[in-house]
C-alpha atoms as a PDB file:
ATOM      1  CA  MET A   1       0.000   0.000   0.000  1.00  0.00           C
ATOM      2  CA  ILE A   2       1.021   3.588  -0.610  1.00  0.00           C
ATOM      3  CA  LEU A   3       0.008   6.411   1.710  1.00  0.00           C
ATOM      4  CA  ILE A   4       0.089   9.801   0.018  1.00  0.00           C
ATOM      5  CA  GLY A   5       0.271  13.026   2.009  1.00  0.00           C
ATOM      6  CA  GLN A   6       2.418  14.793   4.562  1.00  0.00           C
ATOM      7  CA  TYR A   7       2.292  13.916   8.243  1.00  0.00           C
ATOM      8  CA  ASP A   8       1.660  17.496   9.331  1.00  0.00           C
ATOM      9  CA  SER A   9      -1.891  16.872   8.093  1.00  0.00           C
ATOM     10  CA  PRO A  10      -3.918  15.445  11.009  1.00  0.00           C
ATOM     11  CA  PHE A  11      -5.879  13.323   8.546  1.00  0.00           C
ATOM     12  CA  VAL A  12      -2.821  11.786   6.890  1.00  0.00           C
ATOM     13  CA  ARG A  13      -1.176  11.296  10.262  1.00  0.00           C
ATOM     14  CA  ARG A  14      -4.095   9.375  11.791  1.00  0.00           C
ATOM     15  CA  VAL A  15      -3.955   6.941   8.876  1.00  0.00           C
ATOM     16  CA  GLY A  16      -0.179   6.559   9.142  1.00  0.00           C
ATOM     17  CA  ILE A  17      -0.453   5.871  12.867  1.00  0.00           C
ATOM     18  CA  ALA A  18      -3.155   3.254  12.300  1.00  0.00           C
ATOM     19  CA  LEU A  19      -1.078   1.524   9.623  1.00  0.00           C
ATOM     20  CA  THR A  20       1.864   1.482  12.023  1.00  0.00           C
ATOM     21  CA  LEU A  21      -0.136   0.158  14.959  1.00  0.00           C
ATOM     22  CA  TYR A  22      -1.667  -2.507  12.739  1.00  0.00           C
ATOM     23  CA  ASP A  23       1.806  -3.457  11.490  1.00  0.00           C
ATOM     24  CA  LEU A  24       0.597  -3.171   7.895  1.00  0.00           C
ATOM     25  CA  PRO A  25       3.471  -2.486   5.481  1.00  0.00           C
ATOM     26  CA  PHE A  26       3.165   0.672   3.423  1.00  0.00           C
ATOM     27  CA  GLU A  27       5.184   3.136   1.395  1.00  0.00           C
ATOM     28  CA  HIS A  28       4.876   6.801   2.314  1.00  0.00           C
ATOM     29  CA  ARG A  29       4.868   9.460  -0.394  1.00  0.00           C
ATOM     30  CA  PRO A  30       4.832  12.907   1.271  1.00  0.00           C
ATOM     31  CA  TRP A  31       3.184  14.716  -1.607  1.00  0.00           C
ATOM     32  CA  SER A  32       1.747  18.182  -1.105  1.00  0.00           C
ATOM     33  CA  VAL A  33      -1.665  19.205  -2.457  1.00  0.00           C
ATOM     34  CA  PHE A  34       0.040  22.413  -3.587  1.00  0.00           C
ATOM     35  CA  GLY A  35       3.476  21.409  -4.821  1.00  0.00           C
ATOM     36  CA  ASP A  36       2.467  17.973  -6.129  1.00  0.00           C
ATOM     37  CA  ALA A  37      -1.066  18.730  -7.321  1.00  0.00           C
ATOM     38  CA  ASP A  38      -0.562  17.429 -10.872  1.00  0.00           C
ATOM     39  CA  ARG A  39       0.700  13.977  -9.943  1.00  0.00           C
ATOM     40  CA  LEU A  40      -1.748  13.712  -7.052  1.00  0.00           C
ATOM     41  CA  ALA A  41      -4.608  14.461  -9.466  1.00  0.00           C
ATOM     42  CA  GLN A  42      -3.648  11.375 -11.469  1.00  0.00           C
ATOM     43  CA  VAL A  43      -4.410   9.245  -8.412  1.00  0.00           C
ATOM     44  CA  ASN A  44      -7.144  11.295  -6.768  1.00  0.00           C
ATOM     45  CA  PRO A  45      -9.058  13.833  -8.902  1.00  0.00           C
ATOM     46  CA  LEU A  46     -10.099  15.678  -5.748  1.00  0.00           C
ATOM     47  CA  ILE A  47      -6.388  16.475  -5.158  1.00  0.00           C
ATOM     48  CA  ARG A  48      -6.806  15.727  -1.479  1.00  0.00           C
ATOM     49  CA  VAL A  49      -4.880  13.832   1.133  1.00  0.00           C
ATOM     50  CA  PRO A  50      -4.770  11.304   2.556  1.00  0.00           C
ATOM     51  CA  THR A  51      -4.998   9.003  -0.408  1.00  0.00           C
ATOM     52  CA  LEU A  52      -4.233   5.323   0.107  1.00  0.00           C
ATOM     53  CA  VAL A  53      -3.358   3.271  -2.958  1.00  0.00           C
ATOM     54  CA  LEU A  54      -4.038  -0.410  -2.368  1.00  0.00           C
ATOM     55  CA  VAL A  55      -1.893  -3.238  -3.686  1.00  0.00           C
ATOM     56  CA  ASP A  56      -4.220  -3.666  -6.693  1.00  0.00           C
ATOM     57  CA  GLY A  57      -3.922   0.035  -7.569  1.00  0.00           C
ATOM     58  CA  PHE A  58      -7.343   1.022  -6.258  1.00  0.00           C
ATOM     59  CA  ALA A  59      -7.186   4.408  -4.512  1.00  0.00           C
ATOM     60  CA  LEU A  60      -9.126   5.164  -1.333  1.00  0.00           C
ATOM     61  CA  THR A  61      -9.772   8.755  -0.288  1.00  0.00           C
ATOM     62  CA  ASP A  62     -11.012  10.338   2.946  1.00  0.00           C
ATOM     63  CA  SER A  63      -9.398   9.278   6.207  1.00  0.00           C
ATOM     64  CA  HIS A  64     -12.545   7.683   7.652  1.00  0.00           C
ATOM     65  CA  MET A  65     -13.072   5.555   4.539  1.00  0.00           C
ATOM     66  CA  ILE A  66      -9.426   4.510   4.626  1.00  0.00           C
ATOM     67  CA  LEU A  67      -9.587   3.557   8.307  1.00  0.00           C
ATOM     68  CA  ASP A  68     -12.776   1.588   7.719  1.00  0.00           C
ATOM     69  CA  HIS A  69     -10.889  -0.477   5.149  1.00  0.00           C
ATOM     70  CA  LEU A  70      -7.842  -0.930   7.370  1.00  0.00           C
ATOM     71  CA  ASP A  71     -10.073  -2.019  10.242  1.00  0.00           C
ATOM     72  CA  SER A  72     -11.450  -4.789   8.026  1.00  0.00           C
ATOM     73  CA  LEU A  73      -7.940  -6.230   7.634  1.00  0.00           C
ATOM     74  CA  VAL A  74      -7.180  -6.792  11.310  1.00  0.00           C
ATOM     75  CA  PRO A  75      -8.732  -8.903  14.064  1.00  0.00           C
ATOM     76  CA  ASP A  76      -8.883  -6.105  16.652  1.00  0.00           C
ATOM     77  CA  PRO A  77      -9.846  -2.845  14.935  1.00  0.00           C
ATOM     78  CA  LEU A  78      -9.512   0.526  16.633  1.00  0.00           C
ATOM     79  CA  PHE A  79     -13.162   1.252  15.895  1.00  0.00           C
ATOM     80  CA  PRO A  80     -15.110  -1.365  17.874  1.00  0.00           C
ATOM     81  CA  ARG A  81     -17.339  -3.615  15.802  1.00  0.00           C
ATOM     82  CA  THR A  82     -20.140  -3.897  18.371  1.00  0.00           C
ATOM     83  CA  GLU A  83     -22.517  -1.396  19.924  1.00  0.00           C
ATOM     84  CA  PRO A  84     -22.735   0.678  22.034  1.00  0.00           C
ATOM     85  CA  ALA A  85     -18.926   0.885  22.114  1.00  0.00           C
ATOM     86  CA  ARG A  86     -18.763   1.616  18.390  1.00  0.00           C
ATOM     87  CA  HIS A  87     -20.931   4.732  18.285  1.00  0.00           C
ATOM     88  CA  ARG A  88     -19.323   6.101  21.441  1.00  0.00           C
ATOM     89  CA  VAL A  89     -15.861   5.891  19.905  1.00  0.00           C
ATOM     90  CA  LEU A  90     -17.172   7.237  16.596  1.00  0.00           C
ATOM     91  CA  LYS A  91     -18.595  10.313  18.337  1.00  0.00           C
ATOM     92  CA  VAL A  92     -15.299  11.298  19.965  1.00  0.00           C
ATOM     93  CA  ALA A  93     -13.380  10.585  16.761  1.00  0.00           C
ATOM     94  CA  ALA A  94     -15.833  12.759  14.819  1.00  0.00           C
ATOM     95  CA  LEU A  95     -15.299  15.608  17.272  1.00  0.00           C
ATOM     96  CA  GLY A  96     -11.550  15.198  16.777  1.00  0.00           C
ATOM     97  CA  THR A  97     -11.764  15.272  12.983  1.00  0.00           C
ATOM     98  CA  GLY A  98     -14.232  18.157  13.186  1.00  0.00           C
ATOM     99  CA  LEU A  99     -11.724  20.081  15.287  1.00  0.00           C
ATOM    100  CA  ALA A 100      -9.067  19.395  12.678  1.00  0.00           C
ATOM    101  CA  ASP A 101     -11.369  20.456   9.852  1.00  0.00           C
ATOM    102  CA  LYS A 102     -12.205  23.780  11.517  1.00  0.00           C
ATOM    103  CA  ALA A 103      -8.552  24.421  12.343  1.00  0.00           C
ATOM    104  CA  VAL A 104      -7.649  23.824   8.685  1.00  0.00           C
ATOM    105  CA  SER A 105     -10.440  26.164   7.568  1.00  0.00           C
ATOM    106  CA  LEU A 106      -9.325  28.934   9.888  1.00  0.00           C
ATOM    107  CA  PHE A 107      -5.687  28.527   8.932  1.00  0.00           C
ATOM    108  CA  TYR A 108      -6.420  28.883   5.215  1.00  0.00           C
ATOM    109  CA  GLU A 109      -8.805  31.772   5.790  1.00  0.00           C
ATOM    110  CA  ARG A 110      -5.944  33.629   7.403  1.00  0.00           C
ATOM    111  CA  ARG A 111      -3.311  32.399   4.964  1.00  0.00           C
ATOM    112  CA  LEU A 112      -4.958  32.810   1.583  1.00  0.00           C
ATOM    113  CA  HIS A 113      -7.185  35.861   1.924  1.00  0.00           C
ATOM    114  CA  GLY A 114      -5.819  39.371   1.990  1.00  0.00           C
ATOM    115  CA  THR A 115      -8.816  40.451   4.043  1.00  0.00           C
ATOM    116  CA  VAL A 116      -9.911  37.873   6.571  1.00  0.00           C
ATOM    117  CA  SER A 117     -13.665  37.417   6.958  1.00  0.00           C
ATOM    118  CA  GLU A 118     -14.447  38.413  10.539  1.00  0.00           C
ATOM    119  CA  VAL A 119     -17.677  36.433  10.382  1.00  0.00           C
ATOM    120  CA  TRP A 120     -15.938  33.258   9.208  1.00  0.00           C
ATOM    121  CA  GLU A 121     -13.077  33.649  11.685  1.00  0.00           C
ATOM    122  CA  ALA A 122     -15.524  34.129  14.565  1.00  0.00           C
ATOM    123  CA  ARG A 123     -17.520  31.089  13.462  1.00  0.00           C
ATOM    124  CA  CYS A 124     -14.438  28.877  13.236  1.00  0.00           C
ATOM    125  CA  ARG A 125     -13.112  30.093  16.574  1.00  0.00           C
ATOM    126  CA  ARG A 126     -16.459  29.404  18.207  1.00  0.00           C
ATOM    127  CA  GLN A 127     -16.610  25.897  16.745  1.00  0.00           C
ATOM    128  CA  ILE A 128     -13.032  25.142  17.751  1.00  0.00           C
ATOM    129  CA  GLY A 129     -13.569  26.478  21.245  1.00  0.00           C
ATOM    130  CA  GLY A 130     -16.799  24.552  21.661  1.00  0.00           C
ATOM    131  CA  VAL A 131     -15.256  21.265  20.586  1.00  0.00           C
ATOM    132  CA  LEU A 132     -12.223  21.744  22.834  1.00  0.00           C
ATOM    133  CA  ALA A 133     -14.474  22.496  25.800  1.00  0.00           C
ATOM    134  CA  ALA A 134     -16.667  19.465  25.142  1.00  0.00           C
ATOM    135  CA  LEU A 135     -13.675  17.171  24.752  1.00  0.00           C
ATOM    136  CA  GLU A 136     -12.133  18.513  27.966  1.00  0.00           C
ATOM    137  CA  VAL A 137     -15.309  17.867  29.970  1.00  0.00           C
ATOM    138  CA  ASP A 138     -15.534  14.304  28.630  1.00  0.00           C
ATOM    139  CA  ARG A 139     -11.820  13.538  29.076  1.00  0.00           C
ATOM    140  CA  ALA A 140     -11.874  14.795  32.663  1.00  0.00           C
ATOM    141  CA  THR A 141     -14.281  11.961  33.551  1.00  0.00           C
ATOM    142  CA  ARG A 142     -11.878   9.329  32.198  1.00  0.00           C
ATOM    143  CA  PRO A 143      -8.773   9.002  34.394  1.00  0.00           C
ATOM    144  CA  GLY A 144      -7.201   6.118  32.472  1.00  0.00           C
ATOM    145  CA  PRO A 145      -4.564   6.395  29.751  1.00  0.00           C
ATOM    146  CA  TRP A 146      -7.163   5.972  26.983  1.00  0.00           C
ATOM    147  CA  TRP A 147     -10.458   7.643  26.224  1.00  0.00           C
ATOM    148  CA  PHE A 148     -12.180   4.281  26.581  1.00  0.00           C
ATOM    149  CA  ASP A 149     -10.994   0.864  27.760  1.00  0.00           C
ATOM    150  CA  SER A 150      -8.151   0.680  25.237  1.00  0.00           C
ATOM    151  CA  LEU A 151      -6.525   2.780  22.543  1.00  0.00           C
ATOM    152  CA  THR A 152      -8.990   3.601  19.765  1.00  0.00           C
ATOM    153  CA  HIS A 153      -9.291   5.809  16.716  1.00  0.00           C
ATOM    154  CA  ALA A 154     -10.881   8.373  19.049  1.00  0.00           C
ATOM    155  CA  ASP A 155      -7.614   8.910  20.946  1.00  0.00           C
ATOM    156  CA  ILE A 156      -5.663   9.125  17.702  1.00  0.00           C
ATOM    157  CA  ALA A 157      -8.041  11.538  15.956  1.00  0.00           C
ATOM    158  CA  VAL A 158      -8.166  13.933  18.900  1.00  0.00           C
ATOM    159  CA  ALA A 159      -4.414  13.904  19.482  1.00  0.00           C
ATOM    160  CA  CYS A 160      -3.621  14.499  15.799  1.00  0.00           C
ATOM    161  CA  ALA A 161      -6.156  17.324  15.640  1.00  0.00           C
ATOM    162  CA  LEU A 162      -4.863  19.020  18.777  1.00  0.00           C
ATOM    163  CA  ARG A 163      -1.269  18.837  17.571  1.00  0.00           C
ATOM    164  CA  PHE A 164      -2.245  20.413  14.253  1.00  0.00           C
ATOM    165  CA  ALA A 165      -4.381  23.143  15.812  1.00  0.00           C
ATOM    166  CA  THR A 166      -1.656  24.013  18.306  1.00  0.00           C
ATOM    167  CA  GLU A 167       0.988  24.367  15.600  1.00  0.00           C
ATOM    168  CA  ALA A 168      -1.136  25.953  12.848  1.00  0.00           C
ATOM    169  CA  LEU A 169      -3.031  28.345  15.129  1.00  0.00           C
ATOM    170  CA  PRO A 170      -0.573  29.357  17.866  1.00  0.00           C
ATOM    171  CA  GLY A 171      -2.275  30.486  21.033  1.00  0.00           C
ATOM    172  CA  LEU A 172      -5.777  29.325  20.099  1.00  0.00           C
ATOM    173  CA  PRO A 173      -5.875  25.949  21.899  1.00  0.00           C
ATOM    174  CA  ASP A 174      -5.116  27.077  25.470  1.00  0.00           C
ATOM    175  CA  PRO A 175      -3.516  24.267  27.534  1.00  0.00           C
ATOM    176  CA  THR A 176      -4.614  25.946  30.765  1.00  0.00           C
ATOM    177  CA  ALA A 177      -8.252  25.741  29.655  1.00  0.00           C
ATOM    178  CA  THR A 178      -8.067  22.053  28.691  1.00  0.00           C
ATOM    179  CA  PRO A 179      -5.459  20.462  30.992  1.00  0.00           C
ATOM    180  CA  ASN A 180      -6.877  16.930  30.888  1.00  0.00           C
ATOM    181  CA  LEU A 181      -7.119  16.941  27.115  1.00  0.00           C
ATOM    182  CA  HIS A 182      -3.620  18.326  26.634  1.00  0.00           C
ATOM    183  CA  ALA A 183      -2.113  15.875  29.135  1.00  0.00           C
ATOM    184  CA  ALA A 184      -3.735  12.863  27.476  1.00  0.00           C
ATOM    185  CA  CYS A 185      -2.562  13.954  24.030  1.00  0.00           C
ATOM    186  CA  ALA A 186       0.939  14.717  25.299  1.00  0.00           C
ATOM    187  CA  ARG A 187       1.211  11.144  26.610  1.00  0.00           C
ATOM    188  CA  LEU A 188       0.186   9.780  23.225  1.00  0.00           C
ATOM    189  CA  GLU A 189       2.770  11.950  21.478  1.00  0.00           C
ATOM    190  CA  GLN A 190       5.468  10.119  23.446  1.00  0.00           C
ATOM    191  CA  THR A 191       4.454   6.675  22.179  1.00  0.00           C
ATOM    192  CA  ALA A 192       6.447   4.905  19.472  1.00  0.00           C
ATOM    193  CA  ALA A 193       3.788   5.116  16.754  1.00  0.00           C
ATOM    194  CA  PHE A 194       3.177   8.827  17.278  1.00  0.00           C
ATOM    195  CA  GLN A 195       6.904   9.493  17.317  1.00  0.00           C
ATOM    196  CA  ALA A 196       7.416   7.533  14.100  1.00  0.00           C
ATOM    197  CA  ILE A 197       4.529   9.204  12.253  1.00  0.00           C
ATOM    198  CA  SER A 198       5.285  12.838  12.952  1.00  0.00           C
ATOM    199  CA  GLN A 199       6.154  16.013  11.085  1.00  0.00           C
ATOM    200  CA  PRO A 200       6.223  19.594  12.391  1.00  0.00           C
ATOM    201  CA  PHE A 201       3.646  21.778  10.714  1.00  0.00           C
ATOM    202  CA  THR A 202       5.000  23.769   7.778  1.00  0.00           C
ATOM    203  CA  ALA A 203       2.779  26.380   6.183  1.00  0.00           C
ATOM    204  CA  PRO A 204       2.477  25.885   2.414  1.00  0.00           C
ATOM    205  CA  ALA A 205       4.268  28.450   0.285  1.00  0.00           C
END
């Protein structure tokens, strides 16, 4: 398999971490949606990452779709197969990816527009703040090392999103306002898989 995209993307990174934890061999091609748009378009016409090219050449897009496929290849997937555990993990993971999505939106609003939309910035900041607050309240009720009984895609999605938001939007995620969330993610960042699948955020030229 070939994973396309840079690890400073929270969406690419969550896939790379899952592949690593699952011990599934893959080649990493750190293509940029800006600098490598033409060759990426040949694989994925949306010109988006992550893109995962399977051994038969079939290309999967969207991190959730990719993880759903990877989960089908292993006996103990990081999204539980049974309810109610499944939808509980899915909810936290969706909040994590939603946080990442809003952080990306706010970053590009600031980066690409000469005049930033105050309405859009305020909306993104409100959404980001609301998600961080909700995640902090939930995480504070869970004293263990994981969000649930074991490591899941929820832990990974939230940690990747928080890392991205912290680096792309300095000062917006306030560690003093979400100490439990930041502590849990900091512990994950010290694990082997997170260390292996890591790249400091670099703003596109």
